[in-house]
Amino acid sequence: MTRTARVRPLAPLDSAPLAKLYRANHEYLAPFEPVREEALFTADGQATRINDLLTEQAQGRAYPYVIEVDGRLAGRITVTNVARGPFCSG
């Protein structure tokens, strides 16, 4: 079976699917992630986080993306602390 994975820019409509994904993986991720506020596991909490990331993106400081597998949301990745100029890193 061939699976298709793609990375695309994060969008405001991703808030509910991301919240659902975080809830489904909360126990698994607990040892690897910092303690999160309960709002992270809600669509409203994700919407706030997405708005913050999109603001940082508009300022050129962050580039948020989601990962889809076979058209379904599977994760999120963000390049942050973007530094321009000779150092050019993120």
Foldseek 3Di string as FASTA:
>chain_A
DDKDKDKDFDDLVCLALQLVLCVVCVVVCVVPDDDDDPLSNHSVSSSVVVVVQVVCVVVVFKTKIFMDMNNGTDGIDMQGRADDDPVGGD
